[in-house]
Amino acid sequence: MPGRPATQIVREVEAIDCLDFSGKTVYNDFRDDLVRDGFAVIKGAIPPERAAEHASNFHAYMEEFGFGYDRNDPSTVRQECLPVISEKGMIMHYGLSHEDWVWKVRCEPGVVGAFEKVYNTEDLIVSFDVVNVQWPNHKDAPANKPWAHQDQDPERPGFRCLQGLVNLVENGPDDGGLVVMRGAHKISQEYHDTFRNEERLWQWTNEWYGYKETGLAWLRERGYEFEKIDLGPGDLIVWDSRVPHYNVKPKGNNVRMAVYTCYAPASTATQEDLIKKKQVFEAGIGSSHWPQCLQSVKWTAMRPDGTPCPANRDGPAHRPVLNEREYKLTGIPYITASA
């Protein structure tokens, strides 16, 4: 694609033929929403009481840094009291992706089960992704400007990745959250054919595309609009990576708490991918939303003053304890003896 900036080029995952996007198949479940709208909400994927437990563990994780954060004291919602959090609300450092409490969310049966239904297999691997936390009263947080994007290489069309996030607390109209352009996945290829010669925004990987205002205007002219999705505690939202999306911070009274969860059939990973997943898992390093571990980076948390965060560490503070079924999600059991 002309004007494409330098990127981290990764192995490309092929399109996955597991859903009928022609509209001829009726599934009588959330898959109908996914095919039609490009996203679907699975209500109560986690029971409310367990969602509350996961949210409490999320708060406890931030309190354990010892910087002064107290879930019951709004005055401690400031950068000096918190671990490093990006302007988009993401915690990406400290081995967070492999904290036991994060893995407990990933392994919830109702969450894994939704992806099993989409892919029609129990042989899944999971991404080593991050979490999101945003407060309405976080006054010194960096500005979170709209960043409409899709997490998929525009040169590789088709359904290739199903992203997801588990919402842990009430997430109403004023509580921030995920913003999606309903149905725009259906014209993704037409869009990219139209804008093929437009210079692209910078991206760190070829599996990302940022929309410019020219492209968003083209989509709006065809009737596509962004909408913020409301979620309850324990709800799971899944979306086709071709759907334009971004997030917004809360404006009301509630904190936003979410754990990103993305699964794919183990068969979509090469033996090299699985070996890399093993290395990354054992080193406590996170990765992007791609379950095949296409992008993994050991981030160093930097404070706003440009100095390294004193809490930087190799791996999580609390390693996950996984049963046999959960351990398979790491991908390690799928490594063959000859690999």
Protein backbone atom coordinates (compact mmCIF):
# COMPACT_ATOMS: atom_id res chain seq x y z
CA MET A 1 0.00 0.00 0.00
CA PRO A 2 1.57 3.36 -1.03
CA GLY A 3 2.76 5.56 1.80
CA ARG A 4 2.79 2.72 4.29
CA PRO A 5 5.13 3.69 7.15
CA ALA A 6 7.71 1.37 8.65
CA THR A 7 6.03 -1.18 10.87
CA GLN A 8 6.58 -4.34 12.82
CA ILE A 9 5.73 -6.86 10.10
CA VAL A 10 4.34 -10.07 11.51
CA ARG A 11 3.19 -13.42 10.19
CA GLU A 12 -0.31 -13.06 8.81
CA VAL A 13 -3.16 -15.18 10.15
CA GLU A 14 -5.40 -16.48 7.39
CA ALA A 15 -9.12 -15.74 7.28
CA ILE A 16 -11.13 -18.13 9.46
CA ASP A 17 -14.14 -19.77 7.84
CA CYS A 18 -16.43 -20.31 10.82
CA LEU A 19 -19.26 -17.82 10.30
CA ASP A 20 -21.62 -17.26 7.38
CA PHE A 21 -21.52 -13.53 6.57
CA SER A 22 -23.94 -13.93 3.65
CA GLY A 23 -26.91 -13.64 6.02
CA LYS A 24 -28.35 -16.94 4.87
CA THR A 25 -27.59 -18.79 8.12
CA VAL A 26 -29.63 -18.11 11.26
CA TYR A 27 -27.85 -19.09 14.48
CA ASN A 28 -30.55 -18.03 16.97
CA ASP A 29 -27.93 -16.70 19.38
CA PHE A 30 -25.40 -13.86 19.68
CA ARG A 31 -23.69 -14.96 16.46
CA ASP A 32 -26.55 -13.41 14.49
CA ASP A 33 -25.67 -10.03 16.05
CA LEU A 34 -21.98 -10.60 15.39
CA VAL A 35 -22.52 -11.35 11.69
CA ARG A 36 -25.01 -8.49 11.18
CA ASP A 37 -23.48 -5.74 13.37
CA GLY A 38 -19.85 -6.78 13.67
CA PHE A 39 -20.18 -7.07 17.44
CA ALA A 40 -22.30 -8.84 20.03
CA VAL A 41 -22.94 -8.56 23.75
CA ILE A 42 -23.14 -11.77 25.78
CA LYS A 43 -25.07 -10.74 28.88
CA GLY A 44 -23.97 -12.30 32.15
CA ALA A 45 -21.05 -14.26 30.73
CA ILE A 46 -19.73 -14.02 34.28
CA PRO A 47 -22.19 -14.09 37.22
CA PRO A 48 -22.48 -10.68 38.94
CA GLU A 49 -21.00 -11.92 42.21
CA ARG A 50 -17.86 -13.17 40.45
CA ALA A 51 -17.63 -9.98 38.40
CA ALA A 52 -17.64 -8.06 41.70
CA GLU A 53 -14.88 -10.34 43.01
CA HIS A 54 -12.78 -9.73 39.89
CA ALA A 55 -13.32 -5.97 40.24
CA SER A 56 -12.22 -6.13 43.86
CA ASN A 57 -9.09 -7.99 42.80
CA PHE A 58 -8.46 -5.28 40.19
CA HIS A 59 -8.62 -2.59 42.90
CA ALA A 60 -6.42 -4.68 45.21
CA TYR A 61 -3.84 -5.03 42.44
CA MET A 62 -3.51 -1.25 42.15
CA GLU A 63 -3.47 -0.79 45.92
CA GLU A 64 -0.65 -3.34 46.32
CA PHE A 65 1.78 -1.08 44.45
CA GLY A 66 1.94 1.00 47.62
CA PHE A 67 1.79 4.33 45.79
CA GLY A 68 -1.22 5.46 47.83
CA TYR A 69 -4.22 4.40 45.78
CA ASP A 70 -7.27 3.63 47.92
CA ARG A 71 -10.45 2.48 46.17
CA ASN A 72 -12.50 4.29 48.84
CA ASP A 73 -10.68 7.62 48.56
CA PRO A 74 -11.34 9.53 45.30
CA SER A 75 -8.49 11.93 46.12
CA THR A 76 -6.02 9.09 45.42
CA VAL A 77 -7.12 8.84 41.79
CA ARG A 78 -4.06 10.65 40.47
CA GLN A 79 -0.94 9.56 38.65
CA GLU A 80 1.42 9.59 41.63
CA CYS A 81 -0.82 7.12 43.47
CA LEU A 82 -1.33 4.72 40.57
CA PRO A 83 0.72 2.41 38.38
CA VAL A 84 1.46 3.80 34.91
CA ILE A 85 -1.76 3.89 32.88
CA SER A 86 -1.90 4.97 29.23
CA GLU A 87 -4.08 7.80 27.97
CA LYS A 88 -6.45 5.10 26.67
CA GLY A 89 -6.78 3.61 30.17
CA MET A 90 -4.56 0.58 29.62
CA ILE A 91 -2.11 -0.95 32.09
CA MET A 92 0.49 -2.63 29.88
CA HIS A 93 3.45 -3.13 32.20
CA TYR A 94 4.60 -4.98 35.32
CA GLY A 95 3.85 -8.45 33.91
CA LEU A 96 0.17 -7.53 34.31
CA SER A 97 -0.93 -9.88 31.51
CA HIS A 98 0.02 -12.88 33.62
CA GLU A 99 -1.31 -11.85 37.02
CA ASP A 100 -3.39 -14.61 38.57
CA TRP A 101 -6.48 -12.38 38.84
CA VAL A 102 -6.30 -11.52 35.12
CA TRP A 103 -6.04 -15.20 34.19
CA LYS A 104 -9.06 -15.96 36.39
CA VAL A 105 -11.12 -13.61 34.23
CA ARG A 106 -9.76 -15.15 31.00
CA CYS A 107 -10.65 -18.63 32.20
CA GLU A 108 -14.26 -17.92 33.14
CA PRO A 109 -16.35 -20.68 31.49
CA GLY A 110 -18.94 -18.27 30.13
CA VAL A 111 -16.24 -16.21 28.44
CA VAL A 112 -14.31 -19.11 26.93
CA GLY A 113 -17.59 -20.77 25.97
CA ALA A 114 -18.67 -17.85 23.79
CA PHE A 115 -15.54 -18.19 21.67
CA GLU A 116 -15.95 -21.97 21.56
CA LYS A 117 -19.39 -21.42 20.03
CA VAL A 118 -18.07 -19.01 17.38
CA TYR A 119 -15.18 -21.25 16.36
CA ASN A 120 -17.00 -24.56 16.99
CA THR A 121 -14.06 -26.04 18.90
CA GLU A 122 -12.79 -26.38 22.45
CA ASP A 123 -9.19 -26.31 21.24
CA LEU A 124 -8.57 -22.62 21.79
CA ILE A 125 -5.59 -20.45 22.68
CA VAL A 126 -5.91 -17.07 24.39
CA SER A 127 -4.16 -13.74 23.99
CA PHE A 128 -1.88 -12.39 26.73
CA ASP A 129 -3.59 -9.02 26.57
CA VAL A 130 -3.90 -6.12 29.01
CA VAL A 131 -6.63 -4.44 31.09
CA ASN A 132 -8.40 -1.10 31.07
CA VAL A 133 -9.29 1.21 33.95
CA GLN A 134 -10.60 4.77 33.68
CA TRP A 135 -12.09 7.13 36.26
CA PRO A 136 -14.35 10.15 35.70
CA ASN A 137 -12.45 12.10 38.39
CA HIS A 138 -8.90 11.28 37.21
CA LYS A 139 -8.03 14.94 36.73
CA ASP A 140 -4.35 14.53 35.81
CA ALA A 141 -4.89 11.69 33.34
CA PRO A 142 -3.66 12.37 29.79
CA ALA A 143 -6.41 13.35 27.35
CA ASN A 144 -8.09 10.39 25.67
CA LYS A 145 -8.88 11.65 22.18
CA PRO A 146 -10.98 9.53 19.77
CA TRP A 147 -8.71 7.11 17.87
CA ALA A 148 -10.97 5.27 15.47
CA HIS A 149 -9.16 2.20 14.19
CA GLN A 150 -9.44 -1.43 13.23
CA ASP A 151 -7.02 -4.07 14.52
CA GLN A 152 -6.47 -5.80 11.23
CA ASP A 153 -4.22 -5.36 8.22
CA PRO A 154 -6.39 -3.79 5.46
CA GLU A 155 -4.49 -5.81 2.89
CA ARG A 156 -5.74 -9.02 4.52
CA PRO A 157 -9.57 -9.05 4.20
CA GLY A 158 -12.02 -11.49 5.69
CA PHE A 159 -12.85 -12.55 9.23
CA ARG A 160 -9.46 -13.12 10.85
CA CYS A 161 -9.80 -12.20 14.52
CA LEU A 162 -12.55 -11.92 17.11
CA GLN A 163 -11.68 -9.49 19.89
CA GLY A 164 -13.37 -9.29 23.25
CA LEU A 165 -13.49 -7.64 26.61
CA VAL A 166 -15.09 -8.57 29.90
CA ASN A 167 -16.77 -5.68 31.69
CA LEU A 168 -16.51 -5.85 35.49
CA VAL A 169 -18.62 -2.95 36.82
CA GLU A 170 -21.74 -1.05 35.75
CA ASN A 171 -21.06 0.65 32.43
CA GLY A 172 -23.96 2.92 31.46
CA PRO A 173 -24.29 5.84 29.02
CA ASP A 174 -22.02 8.15 31.08
CA ASP A 175 -19.53 5.51 32.21
CA GLY A 176 -17.18 5.46 29.24
CA GLY A 177 -16.37 2.28 27.39
CA LEU A 178 -16.21 0.81 23.91
CA VAL A 179 -17.45 2.79 20.91
CA VAL A 180 -18.12 0.86 17.69
CA MET A 181 -19.38 1.61 14.18
CA ARG A 182 -22.22 -0.87 13.83
CA GLY A 183 -22.11 -2.92 10.62
CA ALA A 184 -19.09 -1.22 9.05
CA HIS A 185 -17.20 -4.52 8.90
CA LYS A 186 -19.39 -5.44 5.94
CA ILE A 187 -17.84 -2.77 3.73
CA SER A 188 -14.29 -2.97 5.11
CA GLN A 189 -12.85 -4.29 1.86
CA GLU A 190 -14.70 -1.70 -0.24
CA TYR A 191 -13.45 1.02 2.10
CA HIS A 192 -9.82 -0.03 1.79
CA ASP A 193 -10.08 -0.41 -1.98
CA THR A 194 -11.37 3.17 -2.10
CA PHE A 195 -8.64 4.60 0.13
CA ARG A 196 -5.81 2.39 -1.10
CA ASN A 197 -3.72 5.33 -2.30
CA GLU A 198 -4.24 7.54 0.75
CA GLU A 199 -1.18 7.95 2.96
CA ARG A 200 -1.70 5.98 6.13
CA LEU A 201 -1.34 7.09 9.73
CA TRP A 202 1.70 5.72 11.54
CA GLN A 203 1.21 2.31 13.10
CA TRP A 204 3.59 0.11 15.07
CA THR A 205 2.33 -3.04 13.39
CA ASN A 206 0.78 -3.85 10.04
CA GLU A 207 -2.16 -5.39 11.95
CA TRP A 208 -3.59 -1.92 12.73
CA TYR A 209 -5.26 0.76 10.67
CA GLY A 210 -6.16 4.26 11.87
CA TYR A 211 -9.06 6.09 10.22
CA LYS A 212 -8.64 9.67 9.04
CA GLU A 213 -11.53 12.12 8.90
CA THR A 214 -11.79 11.61 5.14
CA GLY A 215 -12.47 7.91 5.66
CA LEU A 216 -14.89 8.48 8.54
CA ALA A 217 -16.83 10.97 6.40
CA TRP A 218 -17.04 8.34 3.63
CA LEU A 219 -18.47 5.84 6.13
CA ARG A 220 -20.96 8.35 7.55
CA GLU A 221 -22.17 9.17 4.03
CA ARG A 222 -23.12 5.50 3.74
CA GLY A 223 -25.11 5.56 6.97
CA TYR A 224 -22.57 4.21 9.45
CA GLU A 225 -22.28 5.96 12.83
CA PHE A 226 -20.37 5.37 16.04
CA GLU A 227 -22.24 4.34 19.19
CA LYS A 228 -21.11 3.69 22.75
CA ILE A 229 -22.10 0.24 24.02
CA ASP A 230 -23.50 -0.03 27.55
CA LEU A 231 -22.61 -3.12 29.57
CA GLY A 232 -23.47 -4.62 32.92
CA PRO A 233 -21.10 -6.29 35.40
CA GLY A 234 -19.95 -9.60 33.95
CA ASP A 235 -21.05 -8.86 30.39
CA LEU A 236 -18.76 -9.89 27.54
CA ILE A 237 -18.60 -7.94 24.29
CA VAL A 238 -16.97 -9.48 21.23
CA TRP A 239 -16.23 -7.72 17.96
CA ASP A 240 -14.88 -8.45 14.52
CA SER A 241 -11.43 -6.84 14.18
CA ARG A 242 -12.61 -5.15 10.98
CA VAL A 243 -15.10 -2.98 12.89
CA PRO A 244 -13.96 0.65 13.45
CA HIS A 245 -13.79 1.23 17.19
CA TYR A 246 -12.18 3.17 20.06
CA ASN A 247 -12.95 3.92 23.69
CA VAL A 248 -14.04 6.93 25.74
CA LYS A 249 -13.46 7.78 29.39
CA PRO A 250 -16.30 8.02 31.95
CA LYS A 251 -18.19 11.27 32.46
CA GLY A 252 -20.47 10.12 35.28
CA ASN A 253 -19.63 8.69 38.70
CA ASN A 254 -18.48 5.15 37.95
CA VAL A 255 -15.02 3.79 37.26
CA ARG A 256 -14.63 1.72 34.11
CA MET A 257 -12.94 -1.68 34.54
CA ALA A 258 -12.41 -4.19 31.74
CA VAL A 259 -10.17 -7.14 30.88
CA TYR A 260 -9.41 -7.75 27.20
CA THR A 261 -9.99 -11.35 26.16
CA CYS A 262 -9.37 -12.79 22.71
CA TYR A 263 -9.28 -16.46 21.70
CA ALA A 264 -8.61 -18.32 18.46
CA PRO A 265 -8.49 -21.96 17.39
CA ALA A 266 -5.17 -23.55 18.28
CA SER A 267 -4.99 -24.66 14.65
CA THR A 268 -4.43 -21.03 13.56
CA ALA A 269 -1.05 -20.96 15.34
CA THR A 270 2.12 -22.42 13.87
CA GLN A 271 4.51 -24.44 15.98
CA GLU A 272 6.78 -21.39 15.95
CA ASP A 273 3.91 -19.30 17.31
CA LEU A 274 3.27 -21.80 20.08
CA ILE A 275 6.92 -21.96 21.05
CA LYS A 276 6.96 -18.17 21.25
CA LYS A 277 3.83 -18.26 23.41
CA LYS A 278 5.58 -20.67 25.77
CA GLN A 279 8.60 -18.39 26.03
CA VAL A 280 6.45 -15.31 26.58
CA PHE A 281 4.23 -17.04 29.15
CA GLU A 282 7.18 -18.31 31.14
CA ALA A 283 8.88 -14.91 31.03
CA GLY A 284 5.70 -13.15 32.18
CA ILE A 285 5.55 -10.95 29.07
CA GLY A 286 2.29 -9.72 27.56
CA SER A 287 1.21 -9.48 23.94
CA SER A 288 -1.43 -7.86 21.78
CA HIS A 289 -4.94 -9.19 21.22
CA TRP A 290 -3.70 -11.80 18.72
CA PRO A 291 -3.83 -15.21 20.46
CA GLN A 292 -1.07 -16.47 18.14
CA CYS A 293 1.29 -14.10 20.00
CA LEU A 294 2.12 -12.22 16.81
CA GLN A 295 3.18 -9.13 18.74
CA SER A 296 4.78 -9.30 22.17
CA VAL A 297 6.75 -6.53 23.83
CA LYS A 298 8.35 -6.23 27.24
CA TRP A 299 7.27 -2.71 28.16
CA THR A 300 9.14 -0.54 30.65
CA ALA A 301 6.73 1.67 32.58
CA MET A 302 7.78 5.31 32.46
CA ARG A 303 6.43 7.98 34.80
CA PRO A 304 5.16 11.29 33.34
CA ASP A 305 8.47 12.94 34.30
CA GLY A 306 10.33 10.53 32.02
CA THR A 307 11.83 8.35 34.76
CA PRO A 308 11.28 4.58 35.03
CA CYS A 309 8.54 3.54 37.43
CA PRO A 310 10.15 2.10 40.60
CA ALA A 311 7.65 -0.77 40.46
CA ASN A 312 8.98 -2.14 37.14
CA ARG A 313 9.51 -5.87 37.43
CA ASP A 314 10.08 -9.00 35.38
CA GLY A 315 6.82 -10.89 35.34
CA PRO A 316 3.72 -10.67 37.53
CA ALA A 317 3.61 -10.29 41.31
CA HIS A 318 1.30 -13.33 41.55
CA ARG A 319 1.82 -16.08 38.97
CA PRO A 320 -1.35 -17.75 37.68
CA VAL A 321 -2.45 -21.10 39.05
CA LEU A 322 -4.12 -22.98 36.18
CA ASN A 323 -5.88 -26.31 35.95
CA GLU A 324 -5.37 -28.64 32.97
CA ARG A 325 -8.16 -27.09 30.88
CA GLU A 326 -6.99 -23.55 31.59
CA TYR A 327 -3.35 -24.40 30.89
CA LYS A 328 -4.29 -25.48 27.37
CA LEU A 329 -5.28 -21.87 26.67
CA THR A 330 -1.60 -20.92 26.93
CA GLY A 331 -0.98 -22.97 23.79
CA ILE A 332 1.88 -24.88 25.38
CA PRO A 333 0.19 -28.33 25.35
CA TYR A 334 -0.22 -28.01 21.55
CA ILE A 335 3.53 -27.93 20.96
CA THR A 336 4.54 -31.18 19.28
CA ALA A 337 7.53 -33.23 20.39
CA SER A 338 9.34 -32.59 17.12
CA ALA A 339 8.98 -28.79 17.30
